[in-house]
Amino acid sequence: MQIGKQIQKQRERLNMTQDQLANKLYVSRQTVSNWENDRHYPDIENLLLLSVLFDTSLDQLVKGDVPNMKKKVFTKESNRDAKLMIACWIIGIVTIGPSLWLPSPWFYIIVITPFVLGFIPAIHLEYLKHKVDVRTYKEIIAYEDNKDIEKIRRHRNWVRDQLHQWGLAIGIGVIILVITVIVAIPFMFLYKYLH
């Protein structure tokens, strides 16, 4: 990423310290340091303030970074993890019926294992999203494409994000439970009929 070098270069051009820049933007000196060392990326509001403060265009400030952001938001790795997660959960659903014929401990092991394995790529996806600050990147990409960033900005609310994630997890759990019951019912009747 080039933004850190750009911020440092422009700050030094104006003979400003990190503290002075931080005071003008109402952020901490540590935040400015993180931007300059490419540990974090400034959000769209701070990028706009930086472009005004440095008297440069936003394009010049983030030059070369937008294509990299697009690559990080939509990576092959994240697509692979999503497909792997869904495949594991489908395998878990499909194995429920045939597993009813197995002795008790094996039934649980065979049914639970694919679901547990499906959570590994889900956790990895969350790690990737946090690592590359997907939310900020999506805002910048939307701004560069002249799209409405208000829609994306609304999703930055932490409480709303947490409620959404829990709601999504509970919704998926309920859907999986319903599918599991539907798949298991014929096998349960068949098992009772044969024993």
Protein backbone atom coordinates (compact mmCIF):
# COMPACT_ATOMS: atom_id res chain seq x y z
CA MET A 1 0.00 0.00 0.00
CA GLN A 2 1.19 3.50 -0.84
CA ILE A 3 -1.06 5.59 1.41
CA GLY A 4 1.32 5.46 4.38
CA LYS A 5 4.19 6.81 2.32
CA GLN A 6 1.93 9.47 0.80
CA ILE A 7 0.73 10.68 4.21
CA GLN A 8 4.26 10.81 5.58
CA LYS A 9 5.59 12.59 2.49
CA GLN A 10 2.81 15.19 2.51
CA ARG A 11 3.09 15.71 6.28
CA GLU A 12 6.83 16.28 6.02
CA ARG A 13 6.32 18.60 3.05
CA LEU A 14 4.20 20.81 5.32
CA ASN A 15 6.79 20.50 8.15
CA MET A 16 4.23 18.93 10.47
CA THR A 17 4.80 16.39 13.21
CA GLN A 18 2.54 13.41 13.68
CA ASP A 19 1.08 15.14 16.74
CA GLN A 20 0.25 18.27 14.76
CA LEU A 21 -1.42 16.27 12.00
CA ALA A 22 -3.32 14.22 14.58
CA ASN A 23 -4.62 17.39 16.27
CA LYS A 24 -5.87 18.78 12.95
CA LEU A 25 -7.74 15.54 12.19
CA TYR A 26 -8.95 14.94 15.78
CA VAL A 27 -7.25 11.56 15.97
CA SER A 28 -4.40 10.28 18.13
CA ARG A 29 -0.74 10.44 17.17
CA GLN A 30 -0.73 6.64 17.30
CA THR A 31 -3.44 6.58 14.63
CA VAL A 32 -1.32 8.73 12.32
CA SER A 33 1.67 6.49 13.03
CA ASN A 34 -0.40 3.40 12.18
CA TRP A 35 -1.44 5.00 8.89
CA GLU A 36 2.12 5.89 7.98
CA ASN A 37 3.37 2.40 8.83
CA ASP A 38 0.53 0.77 6.87
CA ARG A 39 -0.86 -0.96 9.96
CA HIS A 40 -4.28 0.63 9.43
CA TYR A 41 -5.96 2.50 6.63
CA PRO A 42 -7.66 5.87 7.20
CA ASP A 43 -11.43 5.84 6.79
CA ILE A 44 -13.06 7.81 3.99
CA GLU A 45 -13.73 10.89 6.16
CA ASN A 46 -10.08 11.12 7.20
CA LEU A 47 -8.93 10.54 3.63
CA LEU A 48 -11.08 13.46 2.50
CA LEU A 49 -9.73 15.64 5.32
CA LEU A 50 -6.17 14.62 4.44
CA SER A 51 -6.68 15.47 0.78
CA VAL A 52 -7.99 18.94 1.73
CA LEU A 53 -5.25 19.50 4.31
CA PHE A 54 -2.51 18.43 1.91
CA ASP A 55 -4.16 20.29 -0.99
CA THR A 56 -4.10 17.21 -3.17
CA SER A 57 -6.78 15.10 -4.82
CA LEU A 58 -8.02 11.92 -3.22
CA ASP A 59 -6.90 10.07 -6.36
CA GLN A 60 -3.35 11.33 -5.86
CA LEU A 61 -3.42 10.40 -2.19
CA VAL A 62 -4.55 6.82 -2.73
CA LYS A 63 -2.91 6.30 -6.11
CA GLY A 64 -2.28 2.66 -6.78
CA ASP A 65 -4.11 1.55 -3.66
CA VAL A 66 -7.66 1.18 -5.03
CA PRO A 67 -6.86 -1.79 -7.33
CA ASN A 68 -5.07 -3.46 -4.40
CA MET A 69 -8.09 -2.82 -2.19
CA LYS A 70 -10.40 -4.42 -4.73
CA LYS A 71 -8.13 -7.47 -4.84
CA LYS A 72 -8.13 -7.76 -1.05
CA VAL A 73 -11.90 -7.34 -0.71
CA PHE A 74 -12.67 -10.00 -3.30
CA THR A 75 -9.93 -12.61 -3.02
CA LYS A 76 -9.79 -16.17 -4.23
CA GLU A 77 -8.99 -17.17 -0.67
CA SER A 78 -12.21 -15.70 0.72
CA ASN A 79 -14.25 -17.29 -2.08
CA ARG A 80 -12.59 -20.63 -1.37
CA ASP A 81 -13.36 -20.36 2.34
CA ALA A 82 -17.02 -19.55 1.68
CA LYS A 83 -17.40 -22.52 -0.67
CA LEU A 84 -15.60 -24.84 1.77
CA MET A 85 -17.83 -23.70 4.65
CA ILE A 86 -21.03 -24.30 2.66
CA ALA A 87 -19.78 -27.69 1.40
CA CYS A 88 -18.99 -28.87 4.94
CA TRP A 89 -22.43 -27.85 6.18
CA ILE A 90 -24.15 -29.58 3.26
CA ILE A 91 -22.14 -32.75 3.96
CA GLY A 92 -23.19 -32.50 7.61
CA ILE A 93 -26.86 -32.28 6.63
CA VAL A 94 -26.63 -35.16 4.16
CA THR A 95 -24.85 -37.47 6.64
CA ILE A 96 -27.56 -37.19 9.26
CA GLY A 97 -29.93 -39.73 7.71
CA PRO A 98 -27.42 -42.52 6.99
CA SER A 99 -25.68 -41.92 10.33
CA LEU A 100 -28.82 -42.90 12.22
CA TRP A 101 -27.90 -46.53 11.48
CA LEU A 102 -24.60 -46.22 13.34
CA PRO A 103 -24.02 -46.92 17.04
CA SER A 104 -24.45 -43.94 19.35
CA PRO A 105 -20.96 -42.39 19.58
CA TRP A 106 -20.28 -42.76 15.85
CA PHE A 107 -23.54 -41.07 14.96
CA TYR A 108 -22.55 -37.92 16.83
CA ILE A 109 -18.98 -37.93 15.54
CA ILE A 110 -19.96 -38.32 11.88
CA VAL A 111 -22.74 -35.73 12.06
CA ILE A 112 -20.94 -33.08 14.14
CA THR A 113 -17.54 -33.26 12.41
CA PRO A 114 -18.57 -31.59 9.11
CA PHE A 115 -20.32 -28.77 10.98
CA VAL A 116 -17.25 -28.15 13.14
CA LEU A 117 -15.01 -28.27 10.07
CA GLY A 118 -17.36 -25.76 8.40
CA PHE A 119 -16.70 -23.24 11.17
CA ILE A 120 -12.93 -23.24 10.52
CA PRO A 121 -13.23 -21.44 7.15
CA ALA A 122 -15.92 -19.18 8.67
CA ILE A 123 -13.50 -18.07 11.38
CA HIS A 124 -10.76 -17.64 8.77
CA LEU A 125 -13.09 -15.41 6.71
CA GLU A 126 -13.69 -13.17 9.72
CA TYR A 127 -9.93 -13.01 10.34
CA LEU A 128 -9.32 -11.97 6.72
CA LYS A 129 -12.01 -9.29 6.90
CA HIS A 130 -10.47 -7.86 10.06
CA LYS A 131 -6.91 -8.12 8.77
CA VAL A 132 -7.49 -6.06 5.62
CA ASP A 133 -10.14 -3.70 7.07
CA VAL A 134 -12.69 -4.66 4.43
CA ARG A 135 -15.22 -2.08 5.61
CA THR A 136 -12.91 0.88 5.04
CA TYR A 137 -11.77 -0.50 1.70
CA LYS A 138 -15.38 -0.93 0.56
CA GLU A 139 -16.10 2.71 1.44
CA ILE A 140 -13.11 3.95 -0.53
CA ILE A 141 -13.93 1.75 -3.53
CA ALA A 142 -17.52 3.01 -3.45
CA TYR A 143 -16.33 6.61 -3.29
CA GLU A 144 -13.93 6.07 -6.20
CA ASP A 145 -16.76 4.51 -8.24
CA ASN A 146 -19.08 7.45 -7.40
CA LYS A 147 -21.46 5.20 -5.50
CA ASP A 148 -23.45 6.09 -2.39
CA ILE A 149 -21.17 5.44 0.58
CA GLU A 150 -23.91 6.17 3.11
CA LYS A 151 -25.23 2.66 2.63
CA ILE A 152 -21.80 1.22 3.42
CA ARG A 153 -21.18 3.71 6.22
CA ARG A 154 -24.32 2.56 8.04
CA HIS A 155 -22.74 -0.87 8.37
CA ARG A 156 -19.83 0.52 10.37
CA ASN A 157 -21.91 0.65 13.52
CA TRP A 158 -20.43 -2.02 15.78
CA VAL A 159 -23.63 -2.82 17.67
CA ARG A 160 -25.60 -3.20 14.46
CA ASP A 161 -22.85 -5.39 13.00
CA GLN A 162 -22.86 -7.63 16.07
CA LEU A 163 -26.64 -7.98 16.04
CA HIS A 164 -26.52 -8.72 12.34
CA GLN A 165 -23.88 -11.42 12.80
CA TRP A 166 -25.78 -13.06 15.65
CA GLY A 167 -29.03 -12.83 13.71
CA LEU A 168 -27.36 -14.37 10.68
CA ALA A 169 -25.83 -17.17 12.77
CA ILE A 170 -29.16 -17.93 14.46
CA GLY A 171 -30.98 -17.78 11.11
CA ILE A 172 -28.52 -20.19 9.49
CA GLY A 173 -28.76 -22.44 12.54
CA VAL A 174 -32.55 -22.56 12.32
CA ILE A 175 -32.43 -23.25 8.58
CA ILE A 176 -29.90 -26.06 9.11
CA LEU A 177 -32.03 -27.49 11.94
CA VAL A 178 -35.17 -27.49 9.77
CA ILE A 179 -33.31 -29.13 6.85
CA THR A 180 -31.79 -31.65 9.25
CA VAL A 181 -35.18 -32.63 10.64
CA ILE A 182 -36.65 -32.90 7.13
CA VAL A 183 -33.77 -35.11 6.00
CA ALA A 184 -33.81 -37.24 9.17
CA ILE A 185 -37.55 -37.96 9.39
CA PRO A 186 -37.68 -40.60 6.62
CA PHE A 187 -34.66 -42.38 8.07
CA MET A 188 -36.15 -42.34 11.57
CA PHE A 189 -39.37 -43.96 10.33
CA LEU A 190 -37.39 -46.49 8.33
CA TYR A 191 -35.21 -47.27 11.37
CA LYS A 192 -38.26 -47.78 13.61
CA TYR A 193 -39.98 -49.90 10.98
CA LEU A 194 -36.99 -52.23 10.60
CA HIS A 195 -36.32 -52.62 14.34
